[in-house]
C-alpha cells in the first residue's frame, strides 16, 4: 500500500494534475483494527501538494499494515464541498 500511495503522490504533484485535482480526502476503514490517530483523520481534506505519508506518518508504527487511502477530489466537487462547509485540515 505504501508503494501505491507514493505513486499516487508522484502523479498528483504534477501542476496539471493539481489544477484539476486540488485536494484529496483521507480515508480510513474505521473499525477495531484502525489506529486511533489514523481514524481521527478519516474524512479530512488536504491540499494536493501535501504528501499522503506526511499526514499518515512515516514511522513503521504508522506504515505497517496501514489500510488508509487517499481519494483525489476534483475542482468541481471541491467547489461543491466548500459550499457545504468543507475546509482543509490544519495538521
N, C-alpha and C. Protein backbone atom coordinates (compact mmCIF):
# COMPACT_ATOMS: atom_id res chain seq x y z
N UNK A 1 0.82 -1.20 0.00
CA UNK A 1 0.00 0.00 0.00
C UNK A 1 0.87 1.26 0.00
N UNK A 2 1.98 1.21 0.71
CA UNK A 2 2.83 2.39 0.76
C UNK A 2 3.37 2.75 -0.62
N UNK A 3 3.73 1.73 -1.41
CA UNK A 3 4.22 1.98 -2.78
C UNK A 3 3.12 2.60 -3.63
N UNK A 4 1.89 2.15 -3.46
CA UNK A 4 0.78 2.72 -4.22
C UNK A 4 0.57 4.18 -3.84
N UNK A 5 0.59 4.48 -2.54
CA UNK A 5 0.39 5.86 -2.09
C UNK A 5 1.51 6.77 -2.60
N UNK A 6 2.73 6.25 -2.63
CA UNK A 6 3.86 7.02 -3.13
C UNK A 6 3.67 7.33 -4.62
N UNK A 7 3.22 6.35 -5.38
CA UNK A 7 2.98 6.58 -6.81
C UNK A 7 1.87 7.60 -7.04
N UNK A 8 0.81 7.51 -6.25
CA UNK A 8 -0.27 8.50 -6.36
C UNK A 8 0.26 9.89 -6.04
N UNK A 9 1.08 10.00 -4.99
CA UNK A 9 1.66 11.30 -4.63
C UNK A 9 2.49 11.86 -5.78
N UNK A 10 3.29 11.03 -6.43
CA UNK A 10 4.12 11.49 -7.54
C UNK A 10 3.25 12.06 -8.67
N UNK A 11 2.17 11.38 -8.96
CA UNK A 11 1.27 11.85 -10.03
C UNK A 11 0.55 13.14 -9.63
N UNK A 12 0.05 13.18 -8.40
CA UNK A 12 -0.75 14.34 -8.02
C UNK A 12 0.08 15.59 -7.81
N UNK A 13 1.41 15.47 -7.74
CA UNK A 13 2.27 16.64 -7.58
C UNK A 13 2.48 17.38 -8.89
N UNK A 14 2.12 16.79 -10.01
CA UNK A 14 2.28 17.45 -11.31
C UNK A 14 1.33 18.65 -11.35
N UNK A 15 1.82 19.81 -11.78
CA UNK A 15 0.97 21.02 -11.79
C UNK A 15 -0.34 20.87 -12.55
N UNK A 16 -0.33 20.17 -13.68
CA UNK A 16 -1.57 19.99 -14.44
C UNK A 16 -2.57 19.12 -13.69
N UNK A 17 -2.08 18.14 -12.96
CA UNK A 17 -2.96 17.29 -12.17
C UNK A 17 -3.52 18.09 -10.99
N UNK A 18 -2.67 18.89 -10.34
CA UNK A 18 -3.14 19.69 -9.21
C UNK A 18 -4.17 20.73 -9.64
N UNK A 19 -4.06 21.19 -10.86
CA UNK A 19 -5.05 22.15 -11.36
C UNK A 19 -6.45 21.52 -11.39
N UNK A 20 -6.50 20.25 -11.77
CA UNK A 20 -7.80 19.56 -11.86
C UNK A 20 -8.19 18.89 -10.55
N UNK A 21 -7.21 18.38 -9.81
CA UNK A 21 -7.45 17.70 -8.53
C UNK A 21 -6.69 18.45 -7.43
N UNK A 22 -7.24 19.54 -6.93
CA UNK A 22 -6.52 20.38 -5.97
C UNK A 22 -6.48 19.84 -4.54
N UNK A 23 -7.30 18.84 -4.26
CA UNK A 23 -7.49 18.38 -2.88
C UNK A 23 -7.61 16.86 -2.86
N UNK A 24 -7.24 16.26 -1.71
CA UNK A 24 -7.51 14.83 -1.51
C UNK A 24 -8.12 14.62 -0.13
N UNK A 25 -8.88 13.53 -0.01
CA UNK A 25 -9.55 13.19 1.25
C UNK A 25 -8.87 11.96 1.86
N UNK A 26 -8.58 12.03 3.13
CA UNK A 26 -8.00 10.90 3.87
C UNK A 26 -9.12 9.92 4.19
N UNK A 27 -8.90 8.65 3.87
CA UNK A 27 -9.92 7.62 4.09
C UNK A 27 -9.32 6.51 4.94
N UNK A 28 -10.02 6.17 6.00
CA UNK A 28 -9.59 5.12 6.92
C UNK A 28 -10.76 4.19 7.20
N UNK A 29 -10.55 2.88 7.09
CA UNK A 29 -11.63 1.96 7.45
C UNK A 29 -11.78 1.93 8.98
N UNK A 30 -12.69 2.70 9.48
CA UNK A 30 -12.85 2.83 10.93
C UNK A 30 -13.47 1.55 11.49
N UNK A 31 -12.63 0.78 12.15
CA UNK A 31 -13.06 -0.44 12.81
C UNK A 31 -12.10 -0.72 13.96
N UNK A 32 -12.23 -1.85 14.59
CA UNK A 32 -11.42 -2.18 15.76
C UNK A 32 -9.93 -2.27 15.44
N UNK A 33 -9.58 -2.48 14.19
CA UNK A 33 -8.16 -2.60 13.80
C UNK A 33 -7.51 -1.26 13.48
N UNK A 34 -8.28 -0.21 13.37
CA UNK A 34 -7.74 1.10 12.98
C UNK A 34 -6.95 1.72 14.12
N UNK A 35 -5.85 2.34 13.76
CA UNK A 35 -5.08 3.11 14.74
C UNK A 35 -5.89 4.37 15.06
N UNK A 36 -6.00 4.73 16.33
CA UNK A 36 -6.82 5.89 16.70
C UNK A 36 -6.42 7.17 15.97
N UNK A 37 -5.11 7.40 15.82
CA UNK A 37 -4.68 8.63 15.15
C UNK A 37 -5.00 8.61 13.66
N UNK A 38 -5.06 7.42 13.05
CA UNK A 38 -5.46 7.33 11.64
C UNK A 38 -6.97 7.52 11.52
N UNK A 39 -7.71 6.90 12.40
CA UNK A 39 -9.17 7.04 12.38
C UNK A 39 -9.59 8.49 12.59
N UNK A 40 -8.83 9.23 13.38
CA UNK A 40 -9.16 10.64 13.65
C UNK A 40 -9.05 11.50 12.39
N UNK A 41 -8.25 11.07 11.42
CA UNK A 41 -8.08 11.84 10.18
C UNK A 41 -9.10 11.48 9.12
N UNK A 42 -9.87 10.44 9.35
CA UNK A 42 -10.83 9.97 8.35
C UNK A 42 -11.76 11.09 7.90
N UNK A 43 -11.84 11.28 6.59
CA UNK A 43 -12.72 12.30 6.02
C UNK A 43 -12.16 13.70 5.93
N UNK A 44 -10.96 13.92 6.43
CA UNK A 44 -10.35 15.25 6.36
C UNK A 44 -9.79 15.50 4.96
N UNK A 45 -9.75 16.77 4.59
CA UNK A 45 -9.27 17.18 3.27
C UNK A 45 -7.91 17.86 3.39
N UNK A 46 -7.05 17.57 2.40
CA UNK A 46 -5.69 18.11 2.37
C UNK A 46 -5.39 18.63 0.96
N UNK A 47 -4.54 19.67 0.86
CA UNK A 47 -4.15 20.15 -0.46
C UNK A 47 -3.38 19.05 -1.21
N UNK A 48 -3.49 19.05 -2.52
CA UNK A 48 -2.79 18.05 -3.33
C UNK A 48 -1.28 18.14 -3.15
N UNK A 49 -0.78 19.28 -2.74
CA UNK A 49 0.66 19.45 -2.55
C UNK A 49 1.18 18.76 -1.29
N UNK A 50 0.28 18.28 -0.44
CA UNK A 50 0.67 17.61 0.80
C UNK A 50 0.76 16.10 0.54
N UNK A 51 1.94 15.51 0.74
CA UNK A 51 2.07 14.06 0.53
C UNK A 51 1.27 13.26 1.55
N UNK A 52 0.73 12.16 1.09
CA UNK A 52 -0.04 11.26 1.95
C UNK A 52 0.76 10.84 3.17
N UNK A 53 2.03 10.45 2.96
CA UNK A 53 2.87 9.96 4.06
C UNK A 53 3.08 11.01 5.14
N UNK A 54 3.11 12.28 4.77
CA UNK A 54 3.31 13.32 5.78
C UNK A 54 2.10 13.45 6.69
N UNK A 55 0.93 13.05 6.22
CA UNK A 55 -0.28 13.07 7.04
C UNK A 55 -0.39 11.77 7.83
N UNK A 56 -0.23 10.65 7.14
CA UNK A 56 -0.36 9.34 7.78
C UNK A 56 0.74 9.10 8.79
N UNK A 57 1.96 9.52 8.45
CA UNK A 57 3.14 9.27 9.28
C UNK A 57 4.08 8.34 8.55
N UNK A 58 5.36 8.44 8.89
CA UNK A 58 6.37 7.64 8.21
C UNK A 58 7.03 6.61 9.11
N UNK A 59 6.72 6.64 10.38
CA UNK A 59 7.25 5.66 11.33
C UNK A 59 6.67 4.29 11.01
N UNK A 60 7.40 3.24 11.28
CA UNK A 60 6.91 1.89 11.00
C UNK A 60 5.58 1.62 11.70
N UNK A 61 5.36 2.24 12.84
CA UNK A 61 4.09 2.09 13.55
C UNK A 61 2.91 2.69 12.80
N UNK A 62 3.20 3.63 11.90
CA UNK A 62 2.15 4.21 11.06
C UNK A 62 2.01 3.48 9.73
N UNK A 63 3.12 2.96 9.21
CA UNK A 63 3.14 2.38 7.88
C UNK A 63 2.72 0.91 7.86
N UNK A 64 3.22 0.12 8.80
CA UNK A 64 2.97 -1.32 8.80
C UNK A 64 1.48 -1.63 8.89
N UNK A 65 0.99 -2.38 7.94
CA UNK A 65 -0.41 -2.82 7.89
C UNK A 65 -1.42 -1.69 7.83
N UNK A 66 -0.99 -0.51 7.41
CA UNK A 66 -1.91 0.61 7.28
C UNK A 66 -2.85 0.35 6.10
N UNK A 67 -4.13 0.56 6.33
CA UNK A 67 -5.15 0.36 5.29
C UNK A 67 -5.75 1.67 4.82
N UNK A 68 -5.16 2.78 5.24
CA UNK A 68 -5.66 4.10 4.86
C UNK A 68 -5.42 4.34 3.38
N UNK A 69 -6.17 5.30 2.85
CA UNK A 69 -6.08 5.61 1.44
C UNK A 69 -6.31 7.10 1.25
N UNK A 70 -6.03 7.58 0.05
CA UNK A 70 -6.33 8.96 -0.32
C UNK A 70 -7.22 8.94 -1.55
N UNK A 71 -8.22 9.79 -1.52
CA UNK A 71 -9.15 9.92 -2.64
C UNK A 71 -8.98 11.33 -3.21
N UNK A 72 -8.60 11.41 -4.47
CA UNK A 72 -8.44 12.71 -5.10
C UNK A 72 -9.80 13.34 -5.35
N UNK A 73 -9.90 14.63 -5.08
CA UNK A 73 -11.14 15.39 -5.23
C UNK A 73 -10.93 16.39 -6.36
N UNK A 74 -11.79 16.32 -7.39
CA UNK A 74 -11.62 17.27 -8.50
C UNK A 74 -12.13 18.65 -8.10
N UNK A 75 -11.74 19.63 -8.88
CA UNK A 75 -12.05 21.02 -8.53
C UNK A 75 -13.54 21.32 -8.50
N UNK A 76 -14.33 20.60 -9.28
CA UNK A 76 -15.77 20.83 -9.30
C UNK A 76 -16.41 20.28 -8.01
N UNK A 77 -16.01 19.08 -7.64
CA UNK A 77 -16.53 18.51 -6.38
C UNK A 77 -16.06 19.34 -5.19
N UNK A 78 -14.80 19.79 -5.23
CA UNK A 78 -14.27 20.59 -4.13
C UNK A 78 -15.07 21.89 -3.98
N UNK A 79 -15.46 22.51 -5.09
CA UNK A 79 -16.27 23.73 -5.02
C UNK A 79 -17.60 23.44 -4.34
N UNK A 80 -18.21 22.32 -4.67
CA UNK A 80 -19.48 21.94 -4.04
C UNK A 80 -19.29 21.64 -2.56
N UNK A 81 -18.23 20.93 -2.24
CA UNK A 81 -17.96 20.59 -0.83
C UNK A 81 -17.72 21.85 -0.01
N UNK A 82 -16.97 22.80 -0.57
CA UNK A 82 -16.72 24.06 0.14
C UNK A 82 -18.01 24.81 0.37
N UNK A 83 -18.92 24.80 -0.60
CA UNK A 83 -20.20 25.47 -0.41
C UNK A 83 -20.98 24.86 0.75
N UNK A 84 -20.74 23.57 0.99
CA UNK A 84 -21.41 22.88 2.11
C UNK A 84 -20.61 22.93 3.40
N UNK A 85 -19.49 23.69 3.38
CA UNK A 85 -18.74 23.90 4.61
C UNK A 85 -17.44 23.13 4.76
N UNK A 86 -17.05 22.35 3.77
CA UNK A 86 -15.79 21.60 3.86
C UNK A 86 -14.60 22.55 3.89
N UNK A 87 -13.61 22.23 4.67
CA UNK A 87 -12.41 23.03 4.78
C UNK A 87 -11.19 22.10 4.79
N UNK A 88 -10.03 22.68 4.47
CA UNK A 88 -8.79 21.92 4.53
C UNK A 88 -8.39 21.70 5.98
N UNK A 89 -7.83 20.52 6.25
CA UNK A 89 -7.36 20.21 7.61
C UNK A 89 -6.16 21.06 7.97
N UNK A 90 -6.00 21.29 9.25
CA UNK A 90 -4.86 22.08 9.75
C UNK A 90 -3.94 21.16 10.55
N UNK A 91 -3.21 20.35 9.85
CA UNK A 91 -2.25 19.45 10.52
C UNK A 91 -0.87 19.73 10.03
